[in-house]
Every structure is written in structure tokens, then in C-alpha cells.
């Protein structure tokens, strides 16, 4: 895999440039195709971690003009130190390194807290070019069903970190997801910021009223949140049962980080991005403010899953077929020879162009 990956990216960078290479990596379907071309032909969670690991081991900044920070598990927690190391290799300024670290932290925060789909991030890889452009590929795992979901970012396409920043999200589609990055959640985000700037004591009082197990009504036509403790079941097409939608939508977090909200109150964030950057603000706090925004102030959030692609093929048992190492080696050699031949032809063409002025005389 390493040999083929090195040969492929020699060709890709030569043909499309460094920015073109990371643009392709930020494309979820292209990345999936790359994993299959590298003979990782089963569509499992390992395609992300193994392919990113292979690329990190063969993509040298001095050779390719871009490098990779982070990885799976413990490696993901070393992303910031990896960025510093790449800064030396790629000769990036301190200001650019600060921007990259901010992008790394915030992209992870957004996918953990603002896209509440039940997937906990455990993999985070950042691809960084010599000009400071970047792409992020990160993956989360659902602890209940053991399915994975992959999130792709590209710096040139990110207009706002908190509103539809993804190049794409790949995975198994969920019935309900709290997606605060959706344009439909813009009003909810704005109200959440207003709430974060409110005295936490008043906010805590409102929150406890919503969470109370009393029988009082918030509105004459609305049930109390306590009634959602036992989730009613409704029949679904095909004979399958599923929880009633609103039972899951309005389930309040058991714990909210009130200390973080007190810090937010002191800082008075100007927008949702600044609110997310407050230390201690996590999924529960984000969800609590979103629900208060919707139930009390009538600013609903989007509950539609932003996943764009789904797939479920193959397995590590050799299905659809086992890895053919001979074909891999042959493909690698073909790519290397093609690159060498292209370089020779370019050199010949450049030499001929130099002679043209003399010939015309």
C-alpha cells in the first residue's frame, strides 16, 4: 500500500499540484475510491484510519509540498505538535500555524458538538500545504451499533465554521440528527448566543423548569418533558418499530456545564463560533441551549441528518475478493514508469522550446 500510494501521489501532485491533491482528499467519494485502489477493498471503518496512516508515512513535506498531522486515537491528540513540526518543514509563519491549530480544534468541536449524530470522534487527520491550505478528514464511531462516519473539510470551501462547512459526510444515514451547522438552524444558533450572554442563574432557572417532572404545561398544547421519559413506539413501514420522533428530539441533557456558561457570560461572545470556543462548552451545553431556543423562543434547529453518501459493501473475510499483491506491484511499477517517461518528455520538450528562437533566426 505504501509503495502504490507514493507512486500515485507523485502522479497526482505532478498533474494537479499540491492544492489539487488535497482537494481530492477532501472529496468523500474520491477518498473512498482511493482506499479501494490501494487494495483496501472492504468499506469498513479501517479504510479511513489505514489509508490516512499509510499516506502520513509516505507523504514527506520536503518531497510533496504538503504533510499530514494527527491520526487515530493517541495520534489524533498529537495533531497540534505535528502541526508545529510541519511548520518547520513547510516554512510556515507563526500566524499561519495559529490559524491551522484553530482550524483543527474547531473542526473537531463542530463535528462533536454541533452535529449530534451519535458518533464520537476518534480519528482526526489534517493535510497541510506549503501555502497553509488544509483539508481535514475525521471519523467517529457509534458505540451502540459499531458503525463509523467520516467527515471531510477543505479550507478553501469553508466560509463559516458553524454553517455548512463540510465537503461531505459519509456513513450510514440516521433517522434524526441535531444539525446546528444547517442553514435552517441559523435562528437557533443566534438565540443560543443570546442565551449564553444571559445571566446563567436565569438560564438555569428556565432550564430546570423545562426539565421539571411536574405536570404543568409550557403551553396549553404541549406536553411536559417528563412525559418523554418513557419513549412511545410507533409502527414503521416494513414491520419495523421506531421511537416516536419528538420523544428523541426534546430529550434534555442530564448535565449541563454551568461553569462554562458562566465563563461565556463573562466573555459575552459576539457569535456562535466564539461561543463554541469557550472552554468546557460541549455537546450537552450546545444541545441544552438549542432546546431552550426552540421550546421557549420558537427558534427551531434542523433535525435532518446532513450525511450525503452511504455505503456498505465487502468485508475483511476476502469479500468481494482478497488483496492481489502481484497486481498492486505491477500497477505501482506502471505508474512509476509513466511518471519517469512524462518527466523525460517534458525535459525534451523544454529543450526543443529553447531551440525555437535560434531556429527562427
Protein backbone atom coordinates (compact mmCIF):
# COMPACT_ATOMS: atom_id res chain seq x y z
CA UNK A 1 0.00 0.00 0.00
CA UNK A 2 2.85 2.39 0.83
CA UNK A 3 4.61 1.83 -2.49
CA UNK A 4 1.45 2.30 -4.53
CA UNK A 5 0.35 5.34 -2.50
CA UNK A 6 3.73 7.04 -3.05
CA UNK A 7 3.62 6.40 -6.79
CA UNK A 8 0.02 7.58 -7.10
CA UNK A 9 0.65 10.85 -5.29
CA UNK A 10 3.76 11.52 -7.35
CA UNK A 11 1.47 11.47 -10.37
CA UNK A 12 -1.38 13.37 -8.69
CA UNK A 13 0.83 16.21 -7.44
CA UNK A 14 2.61 16.37 -10.79
CA UNK A 15 -0.70 16.54 -12.66
CA UNK A 16 -2.91 18.62 -10.34
CA UNK A 17 -0.49 20.37 -8.00
CA UNK A 18 -0.44 20.36 -4.20
CA UNK A 19 -3.80 22.12 -3.80
CA UNK A 20 -5.37 19.75 -6.30
CA UNK A 21 -4.13 16.80 -4.25
CA UNK A 22 -5.76 17.93 -1.01
CA UNK A 23 -8.94 18.93 -2.86
CA UNK A 24 -9.23 15.33 -4.00
CA UNK A 25 -8.59 14.01 -0.49
CA UNK A 26 -11.36 16.29 0.80
CA UNK A 27 -13.82 14.66 -1.62
CA UNK A 28 -15.51 11.79 0.29
CA UNK A 29 -16.16 9.63 -2.76
CA UNK A 30 -12.70 10.20 -4.24
CA UNK A 31 -11.13 9.23 -0.91
CA UNK A 32 -13.25 6.08 -0.82
CA UNK A 33 -12.12 5.21 -4.35
CA UNK A 34 -8.51 5.84 -3.34
CA UNK A 35 -8.83 3.36 -0.49
CA UNK A 36 -10.11 0.73 -2.91
CA UNK A 37 -7.31 1.48 -5.40
CA UNK A 38 -4.79 0.93 -2.61
CA UNK A 39 -6.28 -2.59 -2.25
CA UNK A 40 -8.20 -1.80 0.91
CA UNK A 41 -11.26 -3.04 -0.91
CA UNK A 42 -13.66 -3.51 2.03
CA UNK A 43 -15.72 -0.50 3.02
CA UNK A 44 -15.14 -0.55 6.78
CA UNK A 45 -14.01 2.00 9.35
CA UNK A 46 -10.45 0.84 8.74
CA UNK A 47 -10.34 2.41 5.29
CA UNK A 48 -10.04 5.83 6.89
CA UNK A 49 -7.52 5.04 9.60
CA UNK A 50 -5.31 2.76 7.48
CA UNK A 51 -5.26 4.94 4.35
CA UNK A 52 -4.54 8.11 6.34
CA UNK A 53 -1.83 6.24 8.24
CA UNK A 54 -0.25 5.00 5.01
CA UNK A 55 -0.32 8.48 3.48
CA UNK A 56 1.22 10.02 6.60
CA UNK A 57 4.11 7.55 6.40
CA UNK A 58 4.91 8.16 2.70
CA UNK A 59 3.96 11.82 2.11
CA UNK A 60 7.07 13.76 3.05
CA UNK A 61 6.62 17.56 3.10
CA UNK A 62 10.03 18.18 1.54
CA UNK A 63 9.15 15.94 -1.41
CA UNK A 64 5.44 16.58 -1.99
CA UNK A 65 4.87 20.12 -0.71
CA UNK A 66 2.31 19.03 1.86
CA UNK A 67 2.24 16.93 5.02
CA UNK A 68 -0.18 15.22 7.39
CA UNK A 69 -0.81 15.82 11.09
CA UNK A 70 -2.77 13.70 13.54
CA UNK A 71 -4.25 10.25 13.03
CA UNK A 72 -6.14 7.66 15.05
CA UNK A 73 -6.56 7.61 18.83
CA UNK A 74 -3.39 8.80 20.57
CA UNK A 75 -2.03 10.15 17.28
CA UNK A 76 -5.04 12.46 16.99
CA UNK A 77 -4.08 14.05 20.31
CA UNK A 78 -0.67 14.89 18.85
CA UNK A 79 -2.14 16.92 15.99
CA UNK A 80 -1.02 20.29 17.37
CA UNK A 81 2.59 19.16 17.87
CA UNK A 82 2.53 17.60 14.39
CA UNK A 83 1.41 20.96 13.01
CA UNK A 84 4.41 22.63 14.65
CA UNK A 85 6.73 20.04 13.09
CA UNK A 86 5.16 20.56 9.66
CA UNK A 87 5.54 24.30 10.14
CA UNK A 88 9.30 23.84 10.26
CA UNK A 89 9.34 21.60 7.18
CA UNK A 90 6.97 23.78 5.15
CA UNK A 91 8.35 27.09 6.48
CA UNK A 92 5.01 28.35 7.72
CA UNK A 93 4.74 31.54 9.77
CA UNK A 94 3.67 31.59 13.41
CA UNK A 95 0.44 33.33 12.39
CA UNK A 96 -0.33 30.58 9.87
CA UNK A 97 0.42 27.88 12.45
CA UNK A 98 -2.02 29.55 14.85
CA UNK A 99 -4.69 29.53 12.11
CA UNK A 100 -4.09 25.84 11.42
CA UNK A 101 -4.34 24.90 15.09
CA UNK A 102 -7.56 26.89 15.39
CA UNK A 103 -8.99 25.09 12.34
CA UNK A 104 -8.00 21.71 13.75
CA UNK A 105 -9.61 22.33 17.13
CA UNK A 106 -12.77 23.96 15.80
CA UNK A 107 -13.46 21.39 13.07
CA UNK A 108 -13.32 18.68 15.76
CA UNK A 109 -15.54 20.71 18.11
CA UNK A 110 -18.13 21.29 15.38
CA UNK A 111 -18.38 17.61 14.43
CA UNK A 112 -18.60 16.51 18.07
CA UNK A 113 -20.92 19.19 19.44
CA UNK A 114 -22.83 20.81 16.55
CA UNK A 115 -23.57 17.64 14.55
CA UNK A 116 -25.09 15.42 17.22
CA UNK A 117 -25.47 12.15 15.33
CA UNK A 118 -24.31 9.67 17.97
CA UNK A 119 -20.77 9.35 16.59
CA UNK A 120 -17.81 10.10 18.86
CA UNK A 121 -14.66 11.23 17.07
CA UNK A 122 -11.60 9.02 17.44
CA UNK A 123 -9.67 9.86 14.27
CA UNK A 124 -8.50 13.31 13.11
CA UNK A 125 -6.08 13.84 10.22
CA UNK A 126 -5.14 17.27 8.86
CA UNK A 127 -3.49 17.68 5.45
CA UNK A 128 -1.45 20.91 5.24
CA UNK A 129 0.18 22.50 2.18
CA UNK A 130 3.23 24.72 1.92
CA UNK A 131 0.89 27.72 1.50
CA UNK A 132 -1.11 26.89 4.59
CA UNK A 133 -4.15 25.46 2.81
CA UNK A 134 -5.66 22.47 4.60
CA UNK A 135 -8.10 19.58 4.50
CA UNK A 136 -9.43 17.61 7.47
CA UNK A 137 -10.59 14.01 7.43
CA UNK A 138 -12.02 12.83 10.73
CA UNK A 139 -14.08 9.86 11.75
CA UNK A 140 -16.46 8.98 14.55
CA UNK A 141 -17.76 5.67 15.90
CA UNK A 142 -21.23 4.86 17.21
CA UNK A 143 -20.63 2.78 20.34
CA UNK A 144 -24.03 1.08 20.08
CA UNK A 145 -24.08 -0.27 16.54
CA UNK A 146 -20.29 -0.03 15.85
CA UNK A 147 -20.83 1.86 12.61
CA UNK A 148 -18.41 4.64 11.59
CA UNK A 149 -18.99 8.02 9.96
CA UNK A 150 -16.40 10.16 8.16
CA UNK A 151 -16.36 13.98 7.93
CA UNK A 152 -14.46 15.90 5.22
CA UNK A 153 -13.39 19.58 5.33
CA UNK A 154 -11.49 21.80 2.86
CA UNK A 155 -10.18 25.22 3.87
CA UNK A 156 -10.94 26.92 0.55
CA UNK A 157 -14.61 25.90 0.86
CA UNK A 158 -15.14 26.89 4.50
CA UNK A 159 -16.94 30.23 4.56
CA UNK A 160 -18.13 29.75 8.15
CA UNK A 161 -17.06 27.04 10.56
CA UNK A 162 -20.56 26.86 12.01
CA UNK A 163 -22.69 26.86 8.84
CA UNK A 164 -22.49 24.02 6.30
CA UNK A 165 -18.68 23.80 6.36
CA UNK A 166 -18.30 20.21 5.14
CA UNK A 167 -17.22 18.95 1.75
CA UNK A 168 -19.27 15.90 2.62
CA UNK A 169 -20.14 13.39 5.32
CA UNK A 170 -20.09 9.66 4.59
CA UNK A 171 -21.79 6.95 6.60
CA UNK A 172 -24.99 5.18 7.50
CA UNK A 173 -27.94 7.56 7.50
CA UNK A 174 -29.66 8.22 10.84
CA UNK A 175 -33.33 8.95 11.41
CA UNK A 176 -32.70 12.06 13.50
CA UNK A 177 -29.65 14.27 13.97
CA UNK A 178 -29.40 17.64 15.69
CA UNK A 179 -27.55 19.59 13.00
CA UNK A 180 -26.70 23.08 14.17
CA UNK A 181 -24.48 23.62 11.11
CA UNK A 182 -27.52 23.67 8.83
CA UNK A 183 -28.77 26.96 7.38
CA UNK A 184 -32.12 26.01 8.89
CA UNK A 185 -30.51 26.30 12.35
CA UNK A 186 -29.31 29.87 11.84
CA UNK A 187 -32.02 31.38 14.07
CA UNK A 188 -31.44 28.74 16.73
CA UNK A 189 -27.71 29.48 16.77
CA UNK A 190 -28.39 33.20 17.14
CA UNK A 191 -30.77 32.66 20.05
CA UNK A 192 -28.29 30.25 21.66
CA UNK A 193 -25.69 33.03 21.63
CA UNK A 194 -28.19 35.40 23.22
CA UNK A 195 -28.84 32.81 25.92
CA UNK A 196 -25.11 32.33 26.50
CA UNK A 197 -24.86 36.07 27.12
CA UNK A 198 -27.70 35.90 29.68
CA UNK A 199 -27.12 35.64 33.42
CA UNK A 200 -26.54 31.89 34.00
CA UNK A 201 -28.78 31.94 37.07
CA UNK A 202 -31.77 32.98 34.95
CA UNK A 203 -30.85 30.45 32.27
CA UNK A 204 -30.55 27.69 34.87
CA UNK A 205 -33.98 28.57 36.25
CA UNK A 206 -35.56 28.29 32.78
CA UNK A 207 -33.73 25.05 32.11
CA UNK A 208 -34.91 23.48 35.36
CA UNK A 209 -38.49 24.46 34.55
CA UNK A 210 -38.22 22.67 31.23
CA UNK A 211 -36.70 19.61 32.87
CA UNK A 212 -39.05 19.51 35.83
CA UNK A 213 -41.07 16.39 36.43
CA UNK A 214 -44.21 18.36 37.32
CA UNK A 215 -47.43 18.24 35.34
CA UNK A 216 -47.58 21.92 34.46
CA UNK A 217 -47.79 22.83 30.79
CA UNK A 218 -45.31 25.04 28.99
CA UNK A 219 -48.08 25.75 26.51
CA UNK A 220 -51.64 24.55 26.55
CA UNK A 221 -50.96 22.23 23.60
CA UNK A 222 -47.53 20.96 24.69
CA UNK A 223 -46.69 18.03 26.97
CA UNK A 224 -44.05 18.33 29.69
CA UNK A 225 -40.61 16.94 29.03
CA UNK A 226 -41.10 14.46 31.86
CA UNK A 227 -43.63 12.63 29.70
CA UNK A 228 -40.84 11.72 27.32
CA UNK A 229 -39.06 9.56 29.89
CA UNK A 230 -40.90 6.53 28.52
CA UNK A 231 -40.44 6.65 24.77
CA UNK A 232 -43.62 5.68 22.92
CA UNK A 233 -43.21 3.39 19.92
CA UNK A 234 -44.96 3.76 16.60
CA UNK A 235 -45.13 1.24 13.79
CA UNK A 236 -42.91 1.88 10.80
CA UNK A 237 -43.29 0.69 7.22
CA UNK A 238 -41.93 -2.79 6.65
CA UNK A 239 -42.99 -4.03 10.08
CA UNK A 240 -40.15 -2.29 11.95
CA UNK A 241 -40.77 -0.18 15.04
CA UNK A 242 -39.07 3.11 15.82
CA UNK A 243 -39.23 5.61 18.72
CA UNK A 244 -41.64 8.49 18.31
CA UNK A 245 -39.74 11.39 16.79
CA UNK A 246 -40.49 14.11 19.29
CA UNK A 247 -39.55 11.82 22.17
CA UNK A 248 -35.97 11.83 20.94
CA UNK A 249 -35.94 15.41 19.72
CA UNK A 250 -36.69 17.00 23.07
CA UNK A 251 -34.75 14.77 25.43
CA UNK A 252 -32.90 17.24 27.64
CA UNK A 253 -29.27 16.57 28.63
CA UNK A 254 -28.89 15.26 32.17
CA UNK A 255 -25.91 17.52 32.84
CA UNK A 256 -25.04 20.98 31.61
CA UNK A 257 -21.68 22.65 32.23
CA UNK A 258 -22.90 25.72 34.10
CA UNK A 259 -19.30 26.72 34.85
CA UNK A 260 -18.67 27.01 31.09
CA UNK A 261 -21.83 29.10 30.70
CA UNK A 262 -20.64 31.41 33.47
CA UNK A 263 -17.38 31.85 31.54
CA UNK A 264 -19.37 32.51 28.36
CA UNK A 265 -21.43 35.12 30.23
CA UNK A 266 -18.23 36.86 31.34
CA UNK A 267 -16.79 36.79 27.80
CA UNK A 268 -20.06 37.84 26.08
CA UNK A 269 -19.41 36.01 22.75
CA UNK A 270 -20.38 38.00 19.67
CA UNK A 271 -21.33 34.99 17.57
CA UNK A 272 -21.81 31.21 17.70
CA UNK A 273 -18.22 30.46 16.71
CA UNK A 274 -16.92 32.45 19.66
CA UNK A 275 -19.39 30.65 21.92
CA UNK A 276 -18.08 27.25 20.76
CA UNK A 277 -14.54 28.33 21.54
CA UNK A 278 -15.37 28.79 25.24
CA UNK A 279 -13.55 26.08 27.18
CA UNK A 280 -15.96 23.49 28.56
CA UNK A 281 -18.75 24.06 26.03
CA UNK A 282 -19.57 20.59 24.72
CA UNK A 283 -22.43 18.59 23.20
CA UNK A 284 -24.67 18.73 26.30
CA UNK A 285 -24.37 22.51 26.69
CA UNK A 286 -24.91 23.07 22.97
CA UNK A 287 -27.97 20.81 22.96
CA UNK A 288 -29.45 22.42 26.08
CA UNK A 289 -29.30 25.92 24.60
CA UNK A 290 -30.67 24.65 21.28
CA UNK A 291 -33.68 23.09 23.00
CA UNK A 292 -34.33 26.18 25.11
CA UNK A 293 -34.11 28.26 21.92
CA UNK A 294 -36.70 26.08 20.24
CA UNK A 295 -39.11 25.32 23.09
CA UNK A 296 -39.16 28.74 24.75
CA UNK A 297 -38.27 31.19 21.98
CA UNK A 298 -39.59 29.36 18.91
CA UNK A 299 -36.28 29.15 17.01
CA UNK A 300 -36.11 25.53 15.83
CA UNK A 301 -32.93 23.70 14.91
CA UNK A 302 -32.56 21.29 12.00
CA UNK A 303 -33.12 17.64 12.89
CA UNK A 304 -32.22 16.25 9.45
CA UNK A 305 -29.12 14.13 9.03
CA UNK A 306 -26.53 16.02 6.90
CA UNK A 307 -24.93 12.77 5.66
CA UNK A 308 -24.72 12.84 1.86
CA UNK A 309 -23.47 9.39 0.93
CA UNK A 310 -23.97 5.88 2.25
CA UNK A 311 -22.21 2.61 1.50
CA UNK A 312 -22.00 -0.89 2.93
CA UNK A 313 -20.02 -3.38 0.86
CA UNK A 314 -17.37 -6.05 1.43
CA UNK A 315 -15.64 -7.40 4.48
CA UNK A 316 -12.29 -8.44 5.87
CA UNK A 317 -13.11 -12.07 5.05
CA UNK A 318 -11.92 -11.55 1.48
CA UNK A 319 -15.28 -10.47 0.06
CA UNK A 320 -15.62 -9.30 -2.68
CA UNK A 321 -12.10 -10.65 -3.19
CA UNK A 322 -8.76 -10.86 -1.34
CA UNK A 323 -5.94 -8.41 -1.99
CA UNK A 324 -3.93 -9.24 -5.12
CA UNK A 325 -0.39 -8.14 -4.21
CA UNK A 326 1.07 -9.00 -7.65
CA UNK A 327 -1.40 -6.67 -9.36
CA UNK A 328 -0.63 -3.97 -6.80
CA UNK A 329 3.10 -4.21 -7.51
CA UNK A 330 2.50 -4.19 -11.26
CA UNK A 331 0.28 -1.11 -11.01
CA UNK A 332 2.87 0.67 -8.89
CA UNK A 333 5.59 -0.02 -11.47
CA UNK A 334 3.38 1.17 -14.33
CA UNK A 335 2.72 4.46 -12.53
CA UNK A 336 6.38 4.97 -11.74
CA UNK A 337 7.44 4.28 -15.33
CA UNK A 338 4.72 6.57 -16.66
CA UNK A 339 5.93 9.37 -14.39
CA UNK A 340 9.54 8.87 -15.45
CA UNK A 341 8.54 8.88 -19.13
CA UNK A 342 6.47 12.04 -18.62
CA UNK A 343 9.42 13.75 -16.97
CA UNK A 344 11.71 12.76 -19.85
CA UNK A 345 9.22 14.06 -22.42
CA UNK A 346 8.89 17.34 -20.50
CA UNK A 347 12.66 17.73 -20.48
CA UNK A 348 12.86 17.06 -24.24
CA UNK A 349 10.02 19.49 -24.93
CA UNK A 350 11.65 22.19 -22.81
CA UNK A 351 14.94 21.68 -24.67
CA UNK A 352 13.17 21.96 -28.04
CA UNK A 353 11.41 25.15 -26.96
CA UNK A 354 14.76 26.68 -26.05
CA UNK A 355 15.99 25.99 -29.58
CA UNK A 356 12.99 27.54 -31.31
CA UNK A 357 14.24 31.14 -31.18
CA UNK A 358 17.57 30.10 -32.78
CA UNK A 359 15.75 28.15 -35.50
CA UNK A 360 13.53 31.10 -36.36
CA UNK A 361 16.62 33.27 -36.92
